[in-house]
C-alpha atoms as a PDB file:
ATOM      1  CA  MET A   1       0.186  -0.041  -0.353  1.00  0.00           C
ATOM      2  CA  GLU A   2       3.030   2.144   0.549  1.00  0.00           C
ATOM      3  CA  LEU A   3       4.452   1.823  -2.424  1.00  0.00           C
ATOM      4  CA  LEU A   4       0.938   2.917  -4.435  1.00  0.00           C
ATOM      5  CA  LYS A   5       0.728   5.910  -1.979  1.00  0.00           C
ATOM      6  CA  GLU A   6       4.782   6.797  -3.105  1.00  0.00           C
ATOM      7  CA  LEU A   7       3.850   5.818  -7.113  1.00  0.00           C
ATOM      8  CA  PHE A   8       0.731   8.217  -7.058  1.00  0.00           C
ATOM      9  CA  SER A   9       2.410  11.358  -4.814  1.00  0.00           C
ATOM     10  CA  SER A  10       5.204  12.413  -7.090  1.00  0.00           C
ATOM     11  CA  SER A  11       5.218  13.250 -10.197  1.00  0.00           C
ATOM     12  CA  PHE A  12       8.286  10.708 -11.316  1.00  0.00           C
ATOM     13  CA  GLY A  13       5.385   8.085 -10.142  1.00  0.00           C
ATOM     14  CA  ILE A  14       2.409   9.789 -11.869  1.00  0.00           C
ATOM     15  CA  MET A  15       4.497  10.268 -15.134  1.00  0.00           C
ATOM     16  CA  SER A  16       5.863   6.043 -14.802  1.00  0.00           C
ATOM     17  CA  ALA A  17       1.831   5.146 -14.583  1.00  0.00           C
ATOM     18  CA  ILE A  18       1.087   6.940 -17.334  1.00  0.00           C
ATOM     19  CA  VAL A  19       3.422   5.195 -19.270  1.00  0.00           C
ATOM     20  CA  ILE A  20       2.839   1.775 -18.256  1.00  0.00           C
ATOM     21  CA  LEU A  21      -0.885   2.304 -18.990  1.00  0.00           C
ATOM     22  CA  PHE A  22       0.043   3.544 -22.807  1.00  0.00           C
ATOM     23  CA  MET A  23       2.431   0.519 -23.355  1.00  0.00           C
ATOM     24  CA  ILE A  24      -0.004  -2.145 -22.071  1.00  0.00           C
ATOM     25  CA  GLY A  25      -2.896  -0.326 -24.403  1.00  0.00           C
ATOM     26  CA  MET A  26      -0.225  -0.061 -27.026  1.00  0.00           C
ATOM     27  CA  GLY A  27       0.455  -3.656 -27.182  1.00  0.00           C
ATOM     28  CA  ALA A  28      -3.098  -4.650 -26.689  1.00  0.00           C
ATOM     29  CA  PHE A  29      -3.927  -2.529 -29.882  1.00  0.00           C
ATOM     30  CA  PHE A  30      -0.993  -3.909 -31.880  1.00  0.00           C
ATOM     31  CA  THR A  31      -2.250  -7.588 -31.021  1.00  0.00           C
ATOM     32  CA  ILE A  32      -5.815  -7.076 -32.117  1.00  0.00           C
ATOM     33  CA  LEU A  33      -4.668  -5.474 -35.171  1.00  0.00           C
ATOM     34  CA  PHE A  34      -2.301  -8.066 -36.150  1.00  0.00           C
ATOM     35  CA  VAL A  35      -4.485 -11.025 -35.382  1.00  0.00           C
ATOM     36  CA  LYS A  36      -7.309  -9.449 -37.531  1.00  0.00           C
ATOM     37  CA  LYS A  37      -4.579  -8.922 -39.658  1.00  0.00           C
ATOM     38  CA  ALA A  38      -3.653 -12.784 -39.469  1.00  0.00           C
ATOM     39  CA  TYR A  39      -7.197 -13.880 -40.602  1.00  0.00           C
ATOM     40  CA  GLU A  40      -7.671 -11.730 -43.664  1.00  0.00           C
ATOM     41  CA  ALA A  41      -7.619 -13.277 -46.883  1.00  0.00           C
ATOM     42  CA  PRO A  42      -4.737 -11.879 -48.872  1.00  0.00           C
ATOM     43  CA  VAL A  43      -4.341  -9.852 -51.704  1.00  0.00           C
ATOM     44  CA  PRO A  44      -4.029 -11.347 -55.291  1.00  0.00           C
ATOM     45  CA  GLN A  45      -0.776 -10.260 -57.121  1.00  0.00           C
ATOM     46  CA  SER A  46      -2.671  -9.038 -59.930  1.00  0.00           C
ATOM     47  CA  GLU A  47      -4.488  -6.323 -57.697  1.00  0.00           C
ATOM     48  CA  GLN A  48      -1.662  -5.707 -55.781  1.00  0.00           C
ATOM     49  CA  ARG A  49       0.400  -4.462 -59.408  1.00  0.00           C
ATOM     50  CA  LYS A  50      -2.937  -2.368 -60.115  1.00  0.00           C
ATOM     51  CA  ASN A  51      -2.893  -0.436 -56.615  1.00  0.00           C
ATOM     52  CA  LYS A  52       0.940   0.281 -57.681  1.00  0.00           C
ATOM     53  CA  GLN A  53       0.280   1.755 -60.824  1.00  0.00           C
END
């Protein structure tokens, strides 16, 4: 309990908590993004060539 008081009472502790939460959120976002992309059907090469030109 004392550690939580110290974490949220100093500016360094608050910034550390924000960074930790941001990194957890970013990890969750990219995990969901990559899992969705893994289950998508691949784009045929003929369509890829059309998009590049």
